[in-house]
């Protein structure tokens, strides 16, 4: 292979793309830097021109994932109306859609064990994606008096956890993961029950 890796165009992104493929196939801890280099068509030594190690490589995949994720969530929030509830539910559907379309990114973000504060760039991207759901939560609770309003960060975190659970149990095609209802319906029903319990939306009549 010689020095091919040092003249590989956008070597950094090629390595990230290779890692994301391997993460999807083998899990975040199931591949080596040598495998990533081979998949990208470069020498193992070339990896260290751009990344300190495997965790640094995975962290970059997670950062890019958060950027894509935030864009999808923001679009869902801005176009999911006409009501604050509809927009909030649209962000939940965007979560499921992201997990399906970008499984390598999703696993790098949430299943790799890499801290969202591993580096400043990843921390900023992670913060942005969380902030979008919190913004949706703020809009949903505007009608509640401030002294009775649950913290937006708290209930947006609960919805995030619920979304993650639906993805892990029913939306990733794992053995035994078949659900009696579509994942989108499960999540929407769960969000409705949760928000009614908090008094954020009126009960059914």
C-alpha atoms as a PDB file:
ATOM      1  CA  UNK A   1       0.000   0.000   0.000  1.00  0.00           C
ATOM      2  CA  UNK A   2       3.038   2.252   0.443  1.00  0.00           C
ATOM      3  CA  UNK A   3       2.302   5.901   1.113  1.00  0.00           C
ATOM      4  CA  UNK A   4      -1.104   5.822  -0.499  1.00  0.00           C
ATOM      5  CA  UNK A   5      -2.796   6.807   2.757  1.00  0.00           C
ATOM      6  CA  UNK A   6      -1.009  10.137   2.922  1.00  0.00           C
ATOM      7  CA  UNK A   7      -2.433  11.174  -0.450  1.00  0.00           C
ATOM      8  CA  UNK A   8      -5.969   9.929   0.089  1.00  0.00           C
ATOM      9  CA  UNK A   9      -7.856  13.157  -0.461  1.00  0.00           C
ATOM     10  CA  UNK A  10     -10.081  13.712   2.569  1.00  0.00           C
ATOM     11  CA  UNK A  11      -8.472  10.996   4.638  1.00  0.00           C
ATOM     12  CA  UNK A  12     -10.003  12.222   7.901  1.00  0.00           C
ATOM     13  CA  UNK A  13     -13.585  11.866   6.632  1.00  0.00           C
ATOM     14  CA  UNK A  14     -12.794   8.578   4.900  1.00  0.00           C
ATOM     15  CA  UNK A  15     -11.679   7.175   8.262  1.00  0.00           C
ATOM     16  CA  UNK A  16     -14.821   8.459   9.994  1.00  0.00           C
ATOM     17  CA  UNK A  17     -17.020   6.908   7.314  1.00  0.00           C
ATOM     18  CA  UNK A  18     -15.148   3.619   7.637  1.00  0.00           C
ATOM     19  CA  UNK A  19     -15.550   3.655  11.405  1.00  0.00           C
ATOM     20  CA  UNK A  20     -19.288   4.306  11.121  1.00  0.00           C
ATOM     21  CA  UNK A  21     -19.671   1.296   8.807  1.00  0.00           C
ATOM     22  CA  UNK A  22     -17.736  -0.882  11.243  1.00  0.00           C
ATOM     23  CA  UNK A  23     -19.721   0.429  14.218  1.00  0.00           C
ATOM     24  CA  UNK A  24     -22.950  -0.504  12.461  1.00  0.00           C
ATOM     25  CA  UNK A  25     -21.604  -3.972  11.654  1.00  0.00           C
ATOM     26  CA  UNK A  26     -19.710  -4.803  14.854  1.00  0.00           C
ATOM     27  CA  UNK A  27     -20.693  -2.269  17.493  1.00  0.00           C
ATOM     28  CA  UNK A  28     -18.645   0.636  18.851  1.00  0.00           C
ATOM     29  CA  UNK A  29     -16.150  -1.613  20.625  1.00  0.00           C
ATOM     30  CA  UNK A  30     -16.021  -4.373  18.026  1.00  0.00           C
ATOM     31  CA  UNK A  31     -13.423  -2.981  15.631  1.00  0.00           C
ATOM     32  CA  UNK A  32      -9.811  -1.848  15.692  1.00  0.00           C
ATOM     33  CA  UNK A  33      -8.058   1.146  14.220  1.00  0.00           C
ATOM     34  CA  UNK A  34      -6.324  -1.208  11.808  1.00  0.00           C
ATOM     35  CA  UNK A  35      -9.708  -2.397  10.545  1.00  0.00           C
ATOM     36  CA  UNK A  36     -10.862   1.191  10.099  1.00  0.00           C
ATOM     37  CA  UNK A  37      -7.701   1.985   8.152  1.00  0.00           C
ATOM     38  CA  UNK A  38      -8.129  -1.098   5.957  1.00  0.00           C
ATOM     39  CA  UNK A  39     -11.771  -0.248   5.274  1.00  0.00           C
ATOM     40  CA  UNK A  40     -10.748   3.275   4.297  1.00  0.00           C
ATOM     41  CA  UNK A  41      -7.962   1.924   2.096  1.00  0.00           C
ATOM     42  CA  UNK A  42      -5.061   3.516   3.969  1.00  0.00           C
ATOM     43  CA  UNK A  43      -2.191   2.390   6.157  1.00  0.00           C
ATOM     44  CA  UNK A  44      -2.736   2.057   9.921  1.00  0.00           C
ATOM     45  CA  UNK A  45      -0.002   4.640  10.509  1.00  0.00           C
ATOM     46  CA  UNK A  46      -1.985   7.183   8.495  1.00  0.00           C
ATOM     47  CA  UNK A  47      -4.778   7.151  11.087  1.00  0.00           C
ATOM     48  CA  UNK A  48      -2.585   8.879  13.638  1.00  0.00           C
ATOM     49  CA  UNK A  49      -2.142  11.885  11.376  1.00  0.00           C
ATOM     50  CA  UNK A  50      -5.755  12.768  12.196  1.00  0.00           C
ATOM     51  CA  UNK A  51      -6.834  10.896  15.350  1.00  0.00           C
ATOM     52  CA  UNK A  52      -5.179  10.096  18.643  1.00  0.00           C
ATOM     53  CA  UNK A  53      -6.836   6.697  18.818  1.00  0.00           C
ATOM     54  CA  UNK A  54     -10.061   4.765  18.354  1.00  0.00           C
ATOM     55  CA  UNK A  55     -12.010   6.785  20.931  1.00  0.00           C
ATOM     56  CA  UNK A  56     -11.033  10.012  19.202  1.00  0.00           C
ATOM     57  CA  UNK A  57     -12.234   8.560  15.895  1.00  0.00           C
ATOM     58  CA  UNK A  58     -15.545   7.431  17.390  1.00  0.00           C
ATOM     59  CA  UNK A  59     -15.982  10.821  19.063  1.00  0.00           C
ATOM     60  CA  UNK A  60     -15.762  12.510  15.674  1.00  0.00           C
ATOM     61  CA  UNK A  61     -18.438  10.165  14.331  1.00  0.00           C
ATOM     62  CA  UNK A  62     -20.585  11.065  17.344  1.00  0.00           C
ATOM     63  CA  UNK A  63     -20.008  14.787  16.771  1.00  0.00           C
ATOM     64  CA  UNK A  64     -21.105  14.528  13.155  1.00  0.00           C
ATOM     65  CA  UNK A  65     -24.101  12.491  14.277  1.00  0.00           C
ATOM     66  CA  UNK A  66     -25.190  15.164  16.734  1.00  0.00           C
ATOM     67  CA  UNK A  67     -24.968  17.785  13.988  1.00  0.00           C
ATOM     68  CA  UNK A  68     -27.204  15.726  11.679  1.00  0.00           C
ATOM     69  CA  UNK A  69     -29.501  14.858  14.573  1.00  0.00           C
ATOM     70  CA  UNK A  70     -29.871  18.493  15.624  1.00  0.00           C
ATOM     71  CA  UNK A  71     -30.668  19.558  12.061  1.00  0.00           C
ATOM     72  CA  UNK A  72     -33.405  16.904  11.802  1.00  0.00           C
ATOM     73  CA  UNK A  73     -34.846  17.792  15.204  1.00  0.00           C
ATOM     74  CA  UNK A  74     -34.821  21.497  14.414  1.00  0.00           C
ATOM     75  CA  UNK A  75     -36.582  20.920  11.106  1.00  0.00           C
ATOM     76  CA  UNK A  76     -39.182  18.758  12.845  1.00  0.00           C
ATOM     77  CA  UNK A  77     -39.757  21.402  15.487  1.00  0.00           C
ATOM     78  CA  UNK A  78     -40.128  24.234  12.989  1.00  0.00           C
ATOM     79  CA  UNK A  79     -42.371  22.381  10.530  1.00  0.00           C
ATOM     80  CA  UNK A  80     -44.236  19.966  12.809  1.00  0.00           C
ATOM     81  CA  UNK A  81     -47.012  22.378  13.838  1.00  0.00           C
ATOM     82  CA  UNK A  82     -49.597  23.809  13.859  1.00  0.00           C
ATOM     83  CA  UNK A  83     -49.591  23.318  17.641  1.00  0.00           C
ATOM     84  CA  UNK A  84     -46.794  23.112  20.179  1.00  0.00           C
ATOM     85  CA  UNK A  85     -47.891  19.540  20.933  1.00  0.00           C
ATOM     86  CA  UNK A  86     -47.713  18.530  17.276  1.00  0.00           C
ATOM     87  CA  UNK A  87     -44.250  20.059  16.983  1.00  0.00           C
ATOM     88  CA  UNK A  88     -43.113  18.276  20.144  1.00  0.00           C
ATOM     89  CA  UNK A  89     -44.375  14.934  18.858  1.00  0.00           C
ATOM     90  CA  UNK A  90     -42.638  15.594  15.525  1.00  0.00           C
ATOM     91  CA  UNK A  91     -39.301  15.784  17.333  1.00  0.00           C
ATOM     92  CA  UNK A  92     -39.979  12.324  18.747  1.00  0.00           C
ATOM     93  CA  UNK A  93     -40.625  10.940  15.275  1.00  0.00           C
ATOM     94  CA  UNK A  94     -37.443  12.637  14.072  1.00  0.00           C
ATOM     95  CA  UNK A  95     -35.543  10.776  16.796  1.00  0.00           C
ATOM     96  CA  UNK A  96     -36.788   7.429  15.494  1.00  0.00           C
ATOM     97  CA  UNK A  97     -36.104   8.398  11.886  1.00  0.00           C
ATOM     98  CA  UNK A  98     -32.540   9.397  12.733  1.00  0.00           C
ATOM     99  CA  UNK A  99     -31.846   6.121  14.533  1.00  0.00           C
ATOM    100  CA  UNK A 100     -33.062   4.158  11.527  1.00  0.00           C
ATOM    101  CA  UNK A 101     -31.271   6.159   8.847  1.00  0.00           C
ATOM    102  CA  UNK A 102     -27.976   6.745  10.669  1.00  0.00           C
ATOM    103  CA  UNK A 103     -27.395   3.685  12.862  1.00  0.00           C
ATOM    104  CA  UNK A 104     -23.615   4.089  12.938  1.00  0.00           C
ATOM    105  CA  UNK A 105     -23.875   7.673  14.094  1.00  0.00           C
ATOM    106  CA  UNK A 106     -26.566   6.770  16.611  1.00  0.00           C
ATOM    107  CA  UNK A 107     -24.451   4.038  18.159  1.00  0.00           C
ATOM    108  CA  UNK A 108     -21.376   6.287  18.273  1.00  0.00           C
ATOM    109  CA  UNK A 109     -23.443   8.951  20.053  1.00  0.00           C
ATOM    110  CA  UNK A 110     -25.354   6.851  22.558  1.00  0.00           C
ATOM    111  CA  UNK A 111     -23.847   3.369  22.807  1.00  0.00           C
ATOM    112  CA  UNK A 112     -20.092   3.828  22.569  1.00  0.00           C
ATOM    113  CA  UNK A 113     -19.439   4.977  26.117  1.00  0.00           C
ATOM    114  CA  UNK A 114     -17.783   8.113  24.737  1.00  0.00           C
ATOM    115  CA  UNK A 115     -18.587  11.074  26.965  1.00  0.00           C
ATOM    116  CA  UNK A 116     -20.475  13.886  25.231  1.00  0.00           C
ATOM    117  CA  UNK A 117     -17.832  16.120  26.814  1.00  0.00           C
ATOM    118  CA  UNK A 118     -14.917  14.163  25.314  1.00  0.00           C
ATOM    119  CA  UNK A 119     -13.863  17.291  23.435  1.00  0.00           C
ATOM    120  CA  UNK A 120     -15.237  20.833  23.042  1.00  0.00           C
ATOM    121  CA  UNK A 121     -16.608  20.227  19.545  1.00  0.00           C
ATOM    122  CA  UNK A 122     -18.557  17.136  20.587  1.00  0.00           C
ATOM    123  CA  UNK A 123     -19.813  18.895  23.711  1.00  0.00           C
ATOM    124  CA  UNK A 124     -21.127  21.822  21.649  1.00  0.00           C
ATOM    125  CA  UNK A 125     -22.874  19.548  19.131  1.00  0.00           C
ATOM    126  CA  UNK A 126     -24.434  17.441  21.895  1.00  0.00           C
ATOM    127  CA  UNK A 127     -25.615  20.539  23.735  1.00  0.00           C
ATOM    128  CA  UNK A 128     -27.263  21.865  20.581  1.00  0.00           C
ATOM    129  CA  UNK A 129     -29.296  18.703  19.993  1.00  0.00           C
ATOM    130  CA  UNK A 130     -30.459  18.630  23.627  1.00  0.00           C
ATOM    131  CA  UNK A 131     -31.372  22.312  23.500  1.00  0.00           C
ATOM    132  CA  UNK A 132     -33.786  21.775  20.614  1.00  0.00           C
ATOM    133  CA  UNK A 133     -35.918  19.329  22.588  1.00  0.00           C
ATOM    134  CA  UNK A 134     -35.807  21.651  25.591  1.00  0.00           C
ATOM    135  CA  UNK A 135     -36.987  24.481  23.351  1.00  0.00           C
ATOM    136  CA  UNK A 136     -39.908  22.337  22.235  1.00  0.00           C
ATOM    137  CA  UNK A 137     -40.680  21.577  25.877  1.00  0.00           C
ATOM    138  CA  UNK A 138     -40.610  25.273  26.770  1.00  0.00           C
ATOM    139  CA  UNK A 139     -43.122  26.062  24.034  1.00  0.00           C
ATOM    140  CA  UNK A 140     -45.383  23.260  25.204  1.00  0.00           C
ATOM    141  CA  UNK A 141     -45.494  24.507  28.802  1.00  0.00           C
ATOM    142  CA  UNK A 142     -46.023  28.219  28.151  1.00  0.00           C
ATOM    143  CA  UNK A 143     -49.669  28.068  29.237  1.00  0.00           C
ATOM    144  CA  UNK A 144     -48.768  26.780  32.719  1.00  0.00           C
ATOM    145  CA  UNK A 145     -48.042  29.390  35.430  1.00  0.00           C
ATOM    146  CA  UNK A 146     -44.274  29.566  36.051  1.00  0.00           C
ATOM    147  CA  UNK A 147     -44.616  28.487  39.693  1.00  0.00           C
ATOM    148  CA  UNK A 148     -46.438  25.313  38.620  1.00  0.00           C
ATOM    149  CA  UNK A 149     -44.459  24.587  35.467  1.00  0.00           C
ATOM    150  CA  UNK A 150     -42.224  21.492  35.512  1.00  0.00           C
ATOM    151  CA  UNK A 151     -38.637  22.173  34.431  1.00  0.00           C
ATOM    152  CA  UNK A 152     -38.372  21.851  30.658  1.00  0.00           C
ATOM    153  CA  UNK A 153     -34.998  20.160  31.032  1.00  0.00           C
ATOM    154  CA  UNK A 154     -36.523  17.510  33.262  1.00  0.00           C
ATOM    155  CA  UNK A 155     -39.432  16.464  31.104  1.00  0.00           C
ATOM    156  CA  UNK A 156     -37.498  16.803  27.850  1.00  0.00           C
ATOM    157  CA  UNK A 157     -34.938  14.397  29.367  1.00  0.00           C
ATOM    158  CA  UNK A 158     -37.753  11.980  30.183  1.00  0.00           C
ATOM    159  CA  UNK A 159     -39.043  12.139  26.617  1.00  0.00           C
ATOM    160  CA  UNK A 160     -35.497  11.625  25.340  1.00  0.00           C
ATOM    161  CA  UNK A 161     -35.197   8.520  27.528  1.00  0.00           C
ATOM    162  CA  UNK A 162     -38.564   7.233  26.319  1.00  0.00           C
ATOM    163  CA  UNK A 163     -37.527   7.756  22.692  1.00  0.00           C
ATOM    164  CA  UNK A 164     -34.250   5.943  23.294  1.00  0.00           C
ATOM    165  CA  UNK A 165     -36.082   3.037  24.880  1.00  0.00           C
ATOM    166  CA  UNK A 166     -38.437   2.657  21.930  1.00  0.00           C
ATOM    167  CA  UNK A 167     -35.459   2.720  19.551  1.00  0.00           C
ATOM    168  CA  UNK A 168     -33.517   0.123  21.502  1.00  0.00           C
ATOM    169  CA  UNK A 169     -36.417  -2.253  22.095  1.00  0.00           C
ATOM    170  CA  UNK A 170     -38.515  -1.956  18.959  1.00  0.00           C
ATOM    171  CA  UNK A 171     -36.937   0.128  16.175  1.00  0.00           C
ATOM    172  CA  UNK A 172     -33.535  -1.414  15.601  1.00  0.00           C
ATOM    173  CA  UNK A 173     -34.500  -4.824  14.252  1.00  0.00           C
ATOM    174  CA  UNK A 174     -32.913  -6.718  17.152  1.00  0.00           C
ATOM    175  CA  UNK A 175     -33.954 -10.322  17.820  1.00  0.00           C
ATOM    176  CA  UNK A 176     -37.054 -10.349  19.953  1.00  0.00           C
ATOM    177  CA  UNK A 177     -37.624  -6.670  19.305  1.00  0.00           C
ATOM    178  CA  UNK A 178     -40.873  -6.993  17.360  1.00  0.00           C
ATOM    179  CA  UNK A 179     -43.564  -4.743  18.804  1.00  0.00           C
ATOM    180  CA  UNK A 180     -47.342  -5.229  18.563  1.00  0.00           C
ATOM    181  CA  UNK A 181     -47.575  -1.610  17.331  1.00  0.00           C
ATOM    182  CA  UNK A 182     -45.392   0.583  15.093  1.00  0.00           C
ATOM    183  CA  UNK A 183     -42.609   2.309  17.090  1.00  0.00           C
ATOM    184  CA  UNK A 184     -43.980   5.715  16.093  1.00  0.00           C
ATOM    185  CA  UNK A 185     -47.383   4.847  17.588  1.00  0.00           C
ATOM    186  CA  UNK A 186     -45.790   3.532  20.776  1.00  0.00           C
ATOM    187  CA  UNK A 187     -43.776   6.699  21.223  1.00  0.00           C
ATOM    188  CA  UNK A 188     -46.669   9.033  20.434  1.00  0.00           C
ATOM    189  CA  UNK A 189     -48.955   7.243  22.900  1.00  0.00           C
ATOM    190  CA  UNK A 190     -46.256   7.264  25.567  1.00  0.00           C
ATOM    191  CA  UNK A 191     -45.593  10.966  25.092  1.00  0.00           C
ATOM    192  CA  UNK A 192     -49.310  11.698  25.339  1.00  0.00           C
ATOM    193  CA  UNK A 193     -49.713   9.743  28.587  1.00  0.00           C
ATOM    194  CA  UNK A 194     -46.635  11.374  30.107  1.00  0.00           C
ATOM    195  CA  UNK A 195     -47.590  14.928  29.160  1.00  0.00           C
ATOM    196  CA  UNK A 196     -51.146  14.505  30.397  1.00  0.00           C
ATOM    197  CA  UNK A 197     -49.760  13.269  33.703  1.00  0.00           C
ATOM    198  CA  UNK A 198     -47.722  16.454  34.020  1.00  0.00           C
ATOM    199  CA  UNK A 199     -50.725  18.600  33.120  1.00  0.00           C
ATOM    200  CA  UNK A 200     -49.004  19.857  29.993  1.00  0.00           C
ATOM    201  CA  UNK A 201     -51.929  18.887  27.774  1.00  0.00           C
ATOM    202  CA  UNK A 202     -55.606  18.511  28.536  1.00  0.00           C
ATOM    203  CA  UNK A 203     -56.933  15.002  29.374  1.00  0.00           C
ATOM    204  CA  UNK A 204     -59.028  13.145  26.846  1.00  0.00           C
ATOM    205  CA  UNK A 205     -62.748  13.514  27.269  1.00  0.00           C
END
